[in-house]
Amino acid sequence: WSHVCGRRRELWWRSMRLPWRHCIEPRGCRLRRVFGRGLCSSEAAGPLPFRSARKVLLVSKTTRYENELARLAQTHCAVQAPALLQAQAKQQGSDLEWLRTAHDAHEASVAALRAGLQRLPWKAEVQVVKCYGGLRRAHIADADFVFSLGGDGTLLRTASFVQGFEAPLICGINTNPSRSHGTLCVNYAQQDCREICMADPEVVDRFLTWLSSDEVQYVTRNRIRVTVSQPSGKQSGAHQTMLALNDVLVAEHEAQKASYYEMSFSHQPAGASSEQIVVEKHKSSGLLVTTGTGSTAWSKSILALQPAMVQRVLELAGSDLSSDPMLPERVADAYNGRLSFSPDSPTMRFVVREPIINGVFACNHASGFANGISVLARSEDLRIS
């Protein structure tokens, strides 16, 4: 999973067994972003704009350097961890200096933003918490405005603490643009391509002035609400609800095993006056459901065409590419450019990963859009993450 990988403590990110029916609906909290890239908030009518914020929360990512030190501190003395990490990196041929430099650049950006907030013409209470191990729902609920400092993963985890519709605006800042694309983060600070430009007080002051202006635009982002419930005949009333800003994956716990499930979804075909319900049984490597926010990530990687693939298809169709050798690249770019859709779209895209198609199983809808999706697990260890 490109954006949400590894273990997550929150329910909606954690892999869990699904012997039940689970429904996926494009409902729940609606989020917003700013500058065309990166401000998330709830649908609440009155989230405070930045210039009105009096309680500002900075959510800082845990850098890889910090993670490595923490790992060694679990088995050794914390004081010895830096020296042990140095020796380990030398033995493995790893570039520890780069890790330390990236860590220092991130911490400098956090410190510079905090100092810039304290220079504002209005008094703002600023609190800094770590994304892992420090952030709590109460922090988000108590803040007027939130900055997530890291990359897309930091912003996604921060947004996962948003509950209900009363939530502050969340602005994502990419603190390491040389190593992280930061699709969901603002691009203001990266305009000069310097890795630690947000550590420059002048850049920070200009950024905060811009953020306080009327040029700021907010874009609504929908999340997926997943309801896991017992099928009829089982325990009544037993259900769980999860929220996802990017994607939802339904698949076997052991990746090498085929996922077997029955999927039904509602959609309205072009020209139809009402919704239709489609029911199919699939065997595949999993079912991915994505929001408009997630449509730039995992699902796009699955569905994207490569120019070499287009060229091969055109050659098989008998096309002569000698007069227009760039045609495959233009076709691939045009197709891939249509894979993303608006983050405020009320629909979801589903993608059946590597469907098994033979004399027994079929897949008439390998991908598409739906207003609601219901999945009934047929295999023993189908999970959602």
Foldseek 3Di string as FASTA:
>chain_A
DVQQDDADPDPQNHKDFAQAKKKKFQDFWKWKAKPLAAKIATPDPDQDAPVPWQEEEEAEEQAVLNVQLVVVVVVDPSVCSVVVVVVVCVVVVHDVVVSVVLVVLQVLLVVLLVVLQPVDPDHHHYYYAYLPPGDALVSFLPTSEYEYEAASNSVQSVCQSDHGRRTHMYAYDHQAVVVYVRRRHDCQQCPVVDNNSSSDNVSSNVVSVVSNDPNMDMAMAIKMKMKRDHDPPDDPPDIDIGIGRFKKKKAFPPQVAWFWKKKKFWDADPPRPDIDIDIFIWTASIKMKTALVNLVDDVLVQPQDDLVNQVVVCVVVVDDCPVPVCVSVVVRCVVSVPSHDGRRDLKMKMAGHGIDDDPPHDDPDRMDIGNMMMMNGDDRGIIMD
